[in-house]
C-alpha atoms as a PDB file:
ATOM      1  CA  MET A   1      88.074 114.434  94.952  1.00  0.00           C
ATOM      2  CA  LEU A   2      89.150 113.120  91.556  1.00  0.00           C
ATOM      3  CA  ILE A   3      91.910 110.343  91.012  1.00  0.00           C
ATOM      4  CA  LYS A   4      94.350 111.937  88.931  1.00  0.00           C
ATOM      5  CA  GLU A   5      96.163 108.287  87.970  1.00  0.00           C
ATOM      6  CA  TYR A   6      95.982 104.135  88.350  1.00  0.00           C
ATOM      7  CA  ILE A   7      96.661 103.479  91.717  1.00  0.00           C
ATOM      8  CA  LYS A   8      99.323 100.704  91.505  1.00  0.00           C
ATOM      9  CA  GLU A   9      98.358  97.235  93.381  1.00  0.00           C
ATOM     10  CA  GLU A  10     101.131  97.149  95.445  1.00  0.00           C
ATOM     11  CA  VAL A  11     100.625 100.555  96.616  1.00  0.00           C
ATOM     12  CA  MET A  12      97.304  99.640  97.366  1.00  0.00           C
ATOM     13  CA  GLU A  13      99.004  96.710  99.139  1.00  0.00           C
ATOM     14  CA  LYS A  14     101.431  98.854 101.212  1.00  0.00           C
ATOM     15  CA  ARG A  15      98.679 101.375 102.742  1.00  0.00           C
ATOM     16  CA  ILE A  16      96.196  97.868 103.251  1.00  0.00           C
ATOM     17  CA  ASN A  17      98.859  96.632 104.779  1.00  0.00           C
ATOM     18  CA  ALA A  18     100.488  99.844 107.503  1.00  0.00           C
ATOM     19  CA  MET A  19      96.776 100.609 107.925  1.00  0.00           C
ATOM     20  CA  SER A  20      96.576  96.592 109.035  1.00  0.00           C
ATOM     21  CA  ILE A  21      99.478  97.155 111.566  1.00  0.00           C
ATOM     22  CA  ARG A  22      98.479 100.029 112.781  1.00  0.00           C
ATOM     23  CA  SER A  23      94.439  98.141 113.471  1.00  0.00           C
ATOM     24  CA  GLN A  24      96.419  95.328 115.807  1.00  0.00           C
ATOM     25  CA  MET A  25      97.874  98.124 118.120  1.00  0.00           C
ATOM     26  CA  GLU A  26      94.075  98.966 119.014  1.00  0.00           C
ATOM     27  CA  SER A  27      92.974  95.221 119.023  1.00  0.00           C
ATOM     28  CA  VAL A  28      94.779  91.824 117.787  1.00  0.00           C
ATOM     29  CA  ALA A  29      91.485  89.961 117.133  1.00  0.00           C
ATOM     30  CA  ILE A  30      90.055  91.036 114.030  1.00  0.00           C
ATOM     31  CA  ASP A  31      92.371  91.839 111.328  1.00  0.00           C
ATOM     32  CA  ARG A  32      90.462  94.637 109.445  1.00  0.00           C
ATOM     33  CA  ALA A  33      92.458  94.317 106.022  1.00  0.00           C
ATOM     34  CA  ALA A  34      90.739  91.139 105.780  1.00  0.00           C
ATOM     35  CA  LEU A  35      87.292  92.722 105.696  1.00  0.00           C
ATOM     36  CA  LEU A  36      88.052  94.523 102.056  1.00  0.00           C
ATOM     37  CA  ASN A  37      87.740  91.392 100.238  1.00  0.00           C
ATOM     38  CA  THR A  38      86.382  93.344  97.503  1.00  0.00           C
ATOM     39  CA  ASP A  39      88.158  95.864  94.808  1.00  0.00           C
ATOM     40  CA  LYS A  40      85.264  98.075  95.804  1.00  0.00           C
ATOM     41  CA  LYS A  41      86.078  98.217  99.583  1.00  0.00           C
ATOM     42  CA  ARG A  42      89.764  98.914  99.036  1.00  0.00           C
ATOM     43  CA  LEU A  43      89.264 101.193  96.813  1.00  0.00           C
ATOM     44  CA  ALA A  44      86.270 102.682  99.553  1.00  0.00           C
ATOM     45  CA  TYR A  45      88.798 102.565 101.867  1.00  0.00           C
ATOM     46  CA  LEU A  46      91.881 104.343 100.314  1.00  0.00           C
ATOM     47  CA  PHE A  47      89.495 107.404  99.499  1.00  0.00           C
ATOM     48  CA  LEU A  48      88.141 107.367 102.421  1.00  0.00           C
ATOM     49  CA  SER A  49      91.267 107.795 104.114  1.00  0.00           C
ATOM     50  CA  GLU A  50      92.807 110.269 102.032  1.00  0.00           C
ATOM     51  CA  TYR A  51      89.276 112.102 102.746  1.00  0.00           C
ATOM     52  CA  ALA A  52      90.233 111.761 105.793  1.00  0.00           C
ATOM     53  CA  ALA A  53      93.013 113.648 106.391  1.00  0.00           C
ATOM     54  CA  SER A  54      90.936 116.627 105.363  1.00  0.00           C
ATOM     55  CA  ILE A  55      89.082 116.660 108.597  1.00  0.00           C
ATOM     56  CA  PRO A  56      90.779 117.959 111.177  1.00  0.00           C
ATOM     57  CA  ASP A  57      89.921 116.344 114.337  1.00  0.00           C
ATOM     58  CA  LEU A  58      91.277 113.109 112.328  1.00  0.00           C
ATOM     59  CA  GLN A  59      95.263 114.085 111.506  1.00  0.00           C
ATOM     60  CA  ASP A  60      96.247 110.901 113.169  1.00  0.00           C
ATOM     61  CA  GLU A  61      96.569 107.679 110.880  1.00  0.00           C
ATOM     62  CA  LEU A  62      94.316 105.603 113.142  1.00  0.00           C
ATOM     63  CA  LEU A  63      91.920 108.121 113.601  1.00  0.00           C
ATOM     64  CA  ALA A  64      90.973 108.073 109.723  1.00  0.00           C
ATOM     65  CA  ASP A  65      91.545 104.801 109.665  1.00  0.00           C
ATOM     66  CA  ASN A  66      88.530 103.808 112.161  1.00  0.00           C
ATOM     67  CA  TRP A  67      86.876 106.841 110.612  1.00  0.00           C
ATOM     68  CA  ALA A  68      87.058 105.313 107.274  1.00  0.00           C
ATOM     69  CA  PHE A  69      85.946 101.907 108.426  1.00  0.00           C
ATOM     70  CA  ASP A  70      82.994 103.591 110.552  1.00  0.00           C
ATOM     71  CA  GLU A  71      81.863 105.504 107.299  1.00  0.00           C
ATOM     72  CA  MET A  72      82.134 102.355 105.924  1.00  0.00           C
ATOM     73  CA  GLU A  73      80.120 100.816 108.543  1.00  0.00           C
ATOM     74  CA  ARG A  74      77.538 102.927 107.603  1.00  0.00           C
ATOM     75  CA  LEU A  75      76.836 102.963 104.009  1.00  0.00           C
ATOM     76  CA  GLY A  76      76.938  99.702 103.685  1.00  0.00           C
ATOM     77  CA  PHE A  77      79.633  98.058 103.200  1.00  0.00           C
ATOM     78  CA  PHE A  78      80.367  95.112 105.548  1.00  0.00           C
ATOM     79  CA  LYS A  79      76.711  94.154 105.245  1.00  0.00           C
ATOM     80  CA  GLN A  80      75.826  90.632 104.555  1.00  0.00           C
END
């Protein structure tokens, strides 16, 4: 996947805010947006969530979000 253009900060904020709202449908105990505390994590989430849209079983945005966070966990983005 190629990134064709500069991603504006407000676009990233809107996408991450929408993900945060969707994740509250599953649990209000954790705000996933707080986990995206670096530019690297934010861009990884945005890339993976877009990639998830190409996976037939992940057409639902909440499923795609879960998949993206699972992949980020697997890749070590949230290790302390």
